Amino acid sequence: MREFTSDWALTPNLFLTKNEVEIIDCLVDHREMPAKFEENHVISFYNGQDFHLVLYFSQLQDRGFHMYVVRDFSVNVEDLILLHQLFAKLISDGLSIHILSKAQNQIDDIIFMTDTFRAMIHKDEPNFFE
């Protein structure tokens, strides 16, 4: 797995970067690069055991990419919950409601499926969450 430069380590396993060169490189590597930049995008994908969530804001005043990475997401569920709560706070503050709601829904889906992901990713390890 290729390392990336974190602008902020929100927790030991949750990172945020706004380094657009790095984000675009990662999107291209995973064939997730959006074709249109006139609209907002929420893009999620997995890289090994890590979950990547990329937001693209199309409005001129906010234009650009943000990428959140949760390392070993099936085990670090508390970091997914923290990310959900972060988006909830931003939404309640009235910031980019539509795109953040969409991102929050994707996080909710991942949280709901963590047991399944953990069983697939860590199939040879004991399940300490049972």
C-alpha atoms as a PDB file:
ATOM      1  CA  MET A   1       0.000   0.000   0.000  1.00  0.00           C
ATOM      2  CA  ARG A   2       1.302   3.402  -0.981  1.00  0.00           C
ATOM      3  CA  GLU A   3       1.566   5.929   1.830  1.00  0.00           C
ATOM      4  CA  PHE A   4       0.058   9.366   1.488  1.00  0.00           C
ATOM      5  CA  THR A   5       0.793  12.685   3.104  1.00  0.00           C
ATOM      6  CA  SER A   6      -1.733  13.519   5.777  1.00  0.00           C
ATOM      7  CA  ASP A   7      -2.549  17.164   6.278  1.00  0.00           C
ATOM      8  CA  TRP A   8      -4.250  16.217   9.537  1.00  0.00           C
ATOM      9  CA  ALA A   9      -4.232  13.042  11.600  1.00  0.00           C
ATOM     10  CA  LEU A  10      -7.627  13.384  13.259  1.00  0.00           C
ATOM     11  CA  THR A  11      -6.971  10.185  15.226  1.00  0.00           C
ATOM     12  CA  PRO A  12      -4.215   7.561  14.929  1.00  0.00           C
ATOM     13  CA  ASN A  13      -6.343   5.807  12.256  1.00  0.00           C
ATOM     14  CA  LEU A  14      -8.341   8.654  10.662  1.00  0.00           C
ATOM     15  CA  PHE A  15      -6.608  11.045   8.309  1.00  0.00           C
ATOM     16  CA  LEU A  16      -7.627  14.010   6.181  1.00  0.00           C
ATOM     17  CA  THR A  17      -5.684  15.405   3.267  1.00  0.00           C
ATOM     18  CA  LYS A  18      -6.414  18.268   0.902  1.00  0.00           C
ATOM     19  CA  ASN A  19      -3.300  17.576  -1.198  1.00  0.00           C
ATOM     20  CA  GLU A  20      -4.987  17.570  -4.593  1.00  0.00           C
ATOM     21  CA  VAL A  21      -2.066  16.045  -6.502  1.00  0.00           C
ATOM     22  CA  GLU A  22      -2.048  13.112  -4.122  1.00  0.00           C
ATOM     23  CA  ILE A  23      -5.845  12.761  -4.157  1.00  0.00           C
ATOM     24  CA  ILE A  24      -6.064  12.884  -7.960  1.00  0.00           C
ATOM     25  CA  ASP A  25      -3.239  10.337  -8.234  1.00  0.00           C
ATOM     26  CA  CYS A  26      -5.093   8.037  -5.838  1.00  0.00           C
ATOM     27  CA  LEU A  27      -8.385   8.473  -7.739  1.00  0.00           C
ATOM     28  CA  VAL A  28      -6.704   7.720 -11.063  1.00  0.00           C
ATOM     29  CA  ASP A  29      -4.940   4.663  -9.609  1.00  0.00           C
ATOM     30  CA  HIS A  30      -8.321   3.300  -8.454  1.00  0.00           C
ATOM     31  CA  ARG A  31     -10.177   4.355 -11.628  1.00  0.00           C
ATOM     32  CA  GLU A  32     -12.462   6.620  -9.602  1.00  0.00           C
ATOM     33  CA  MET A  33     -11.626   9.996 -11.165  1.00  0.00           C
ATOM     34  CA  PRO A  34     -14.824  11.967 -11.861  1.00  0.00           C
ATOM     35  CA  ALA A  35     -15.441  13.026 -15.453  1.00  0.00           C
ATOM     36  CA  LYS A  36     -17.339  16.234 -14.651  1.00  0.00           C
ATOM     37  CA  PHE A  37     -16.162  18.945 -12.317  1.00  0.00           C
ATOM     38  CA  GLU A  38     -19.243  21.165 -12.536  1.00  0.00           C
ATOM     39  CA  GLU A  39     -20.987  19.150  -9.823  1.00  0.00           C
ATOM     40  CA  ASN A  40     -20.140  17.866  -6.347  1.00  0.00           C
ATOM     41  CA  HIS A  41     -18.914  14.286  -5.969  1.00  0.00           C
ATOM     42  CA  VAL A  42     -18.700  11.772  -3.137  1.00  0.00           C
ATOM     43  CA  ILE A  43     -16.406   8.889  -4.049  1.00  0.00           C
ATOM     44  CA  SER A  44     -15.545   5.964  -1.808  1.00  0.00           C
ATOM     45  CA  PHE A  45     -13.276   3.012  -2.374  1.00  0.00           C
ATOM     46  CA  TYR A  46     -11.110   0.505  -0.534  1.00  0.00           C
ATOM     47  CA  ASN A  47      -7.362   0.169  -0.687  1.00  0.00           C
ATOM     48  CA  GLY A  48      -6.440  -3.039   1.090  1.00  0.00           C
ATOM     49  CA  GLN A  49      -7.836  -2.701   4.599  1.00  0.00           C
ATOM     50  CA  ASP A  50      -8.309   1.067   4.342  1.00  0.00           C
ATOM     51  CA  PHE A  51     -11.462   2.982   3.461  1.00  0.00           C
ATOM     52  CA  HIS A  52     -11.080   6.151   1.390  1.00  0.00           C
ATOM     53  CA  LEU A  53     -13.780   8.805   1.144  1.00  0.00           C
ATOM     54  CA  VAL A  54     -13.164  11.621  -1.331  1.00  0.00           C
ATOM     55  CA  LEU A  55     -15.324  14.728  -1.491  1.00  0.00           C
ATOM     56  CA  TYR A  56     -15.142  17.105  -4.423  1.00  0.00           C
ATOM     57  CA  PHE A  57     -16.697  20.519  -3.869  1.00  0.00           C
ATOM     58  CA  SER A  58     -17.561  22.255  -7.147  1.00  0.00           C
ATOM     59  CA  GLN A  59     -18.605  25.689  -5.833  1.00  0.00           C
ATOM     60  CA  LEU A  60     -16.058  28.367  -6.665  1.00  0.00           C
ATOM     61  CA  GLN A  61     -15.559  29.455  -3.037  1.00  0.00           C
ATOM     62  CA  ASP A  62     -14.974  25.849  -1.862  1.00  0.00           C
ATOM     63  CA  ARG A  63     -13.681  24.199  -5.043  1.00  0.00           C
ATOM     64  CA  GLY A  64     -11.391  21.253  -4.482  1.00  0.00           C
ATOM     65  CA  PHE A  65     -10.908  17.770  -3.072  1.00  0.00           C
ATOM     66  CA  HIS A  66     -10.823  16.472   0.491  1.00  0.00           C
ATOM     67  CA  MET A  67      -9.887  12.852   1.183  1.00  0.00           C
ATOM     68  CA  TYR A  68     -10.554  11.032   4.438  1.00  0.00           C
ATOM     69  CA  VAL A  69      -8.808   7.718   5.058  1.00  0.00           C
ATOM     70  CA  VAL A  70      -9.753   5.267   7.815  1.00  0.00           C
ATOM     71  CA  ARG A  71      -6.976   2.741   8.303  1.00  0.00           C
ATOM     72  CA  ASP A  72      -8.165  -0.839   8.803  1.00  0.00           C
ATOM     73  CA  PHE A  73     -11.746   0.431   8.826  1.00  0.00           C
ATOM     74  CA  SER A  74     -13.393  -2.886   9.723  1.00  0.00           C
ATOM     75  CA  VAL A  75     -11.583  -2.845  13.077  1.00  0.00           C
ATOM     76  CA  ASN A  76     -11.487   0.925  13.672  1.00  0.00           C
ATOM     77  CA  VAL A  77     -15.243   1.407  13.681  1.00  0.00           C
ATOM     78  CA  GLU A  78     -14.963   4.205  16.253  1.00  0.00           C
ATOM     79  CA  ASP A  79     -13.159   6.284  13.620  1.00  0.00           C
ATOM     80  CA  LEU A  80     -16.011   5.731  11.168  1.00  0.00           C
ATOM     81  CA  ILE A  81     -18.434   6.841  13.876  1.00  0.00           C
ATOM     82  CA  LEU A  82     -16.309   9.924  14.550  1.00  0.00           C
ATOM     83  CA  LEU A  83     -16.363  10.757  10.839  1.00  0.00           C
ATOM     84  CA  HIS A  84     -20.157  10.342  10.828  1.00  0.00           C
ATOM     85  CA  GLN A  85     -20.394  12.717  13.810  1.00  0.00           C
ATOM     86  CA  LEU A  86     -18.080  15.241  12.136  1.00  0.00           C
ATOM     87  CA  PHE A  87     -20.318  15.326   9.063  1.00  0.00           C
ATOM     88  CA  ALA A  88     -23.420  15.593  11.284  1.00  0.00           C
ATOM     89  CA  LYS A  89     -21.945  18.672  12.986  1.00  0.00           C
ATOM     90  CA  LEU A  90     -21.035  20.310   9.674  1.00  0.00           C
ATOM     91  CA  ILE A  91     -24.521  19.568   8.312  1.00  0.00           C
ATOM     92  CA  SER A  92     -26.169  21.038  11.433  1.00  0.00           C
ATOM     93  CA  ASP A  93     -24.025  24.147  10.920  1.00  0.00           C
ATOM     94  CA  GLY A  94     -25.501  24.425   7.411  1.00  0.00           C
ATOM     95  CA  LEU A  95     -22.290  23.681   5.522  1.00  0.00           C
ATOM     96  CA  SER A  96     -22.526  21.846   2.166  1.00  0.00           C
ATOM     97  CA  ILE A  97     -25.586  19.949   3.351  1.00  0.00           C
ATOM     98  CA  HIS A  98     -26.218  17.881   0.207  1.00  0.00           C
ATOM     99  CA  ILE A  99     -22.690  16.545  -0.343  1.00  0.00           C
ATOM    100  CA  LEU A 100     -22.038  15.960   3.371  1.00  0.00           C
ATOM    101  CA  SER A 101     -25.369  14.132   3.755  1.00  0.00           C
ATOM    102  CA  LYS A 102     -24.418  11.883   0.862  1.00  0.00           C
ATOM    103  CA  ALA A 103     -20.999  11.234   2.440  1.00  0.00           C
ATOM    104  CA  GLN A 104     -22.614  10.578   5.811  1.00  0.00           C
ATOM    105  CA  ASN A 105     -24.955   8.019   4.208  1.00  0.00           C
ATOM    106  CA  GLN A 106     -21.964   6.187   2.729  1.00  0.00           C
ATOM    107  CA  ILE A 107     -20.315   6.118   6.164  1.00  0.00           C
ATOM    108  CA  ASP A 108     -23.557   4.748   7.657  1.00  0.00           C
ATOM    109  CA  ASP A 109     -23.570   1.937   5.085  1.00  0.00           C
ATOM    110  CA  ILE A 110     -19.960   1.039   5.917  1.00  0.00           C
ATOM    111  CA  ILE A 111     -20.641   1.074   9.678  1.00  0.00           C
ATOM    112  CA  PHE A 112     -23.625  -1.229   9.147  1.00  0.00           C
ATOM    113  CA  MET A 113     -21.450  -3.676   7.195  1.00  0.00           C
ATOM    114  CA  THR A 114     -18.306  -3.651   9.378  1.00  0.00           C
ATOM    115  CA  ASP A 115     -18.938  -7.123  10.804  1.00  0.00           C
ATOM    116  CA  THR A 116     -19.099  -8.535   7.274  1.00  0.00           C
ATOM    117  CA  PHE A 117     -16.011  -6.620   6.153  1.00  0.00           C
ATOM    118  CA  ARG A 118     -14.115  -7.707   9.279  1.00  0.00           C
ATOM    119  CA  ALA A 119     -15.013 -11.351   8.612  1.00  0.00           C
ATOM    120  CA  MET A 120     -13.727 -11.057   5.031  1.00  0.00           C
ATOM    121  CA  ILE A 121     -10.610  -8.980   5.705  1.00  0.00           C
ATOM    122  CA  HIS A 122      -9.510 -10.645   8.932  1.00  0.00           C
ATOM    123  CA  LYS A 123     -10.871 -14.136   8.282  1.00  0.00           C
ATOM    124  CA  ASP A 124      -7.814 -15.822   9.817  1.00  0.00           C
ATOM    125  CA  GLU A 125      -7.949 -13.834  13.053  1.00  0.00           C
ATOM    126  CA  PRO A 126     -10.272 -14.300  16.034  1.00  0.00           C
ATOM    127  CA  ASN A 127     -13.276 -11.963  16.143  1.00  0.00           C
ATOM    128  CA  PHE A 128     -12.814  -9.898  19.296  1.00  0.00           C
ATOM    129  CA  PHE A 129     -16.041  -7.998  18.629  1.00  0.00           C
ATOM    130  CA  GLU A 130     -18.418 -10.910  19.273  1.00  0.00           C
END
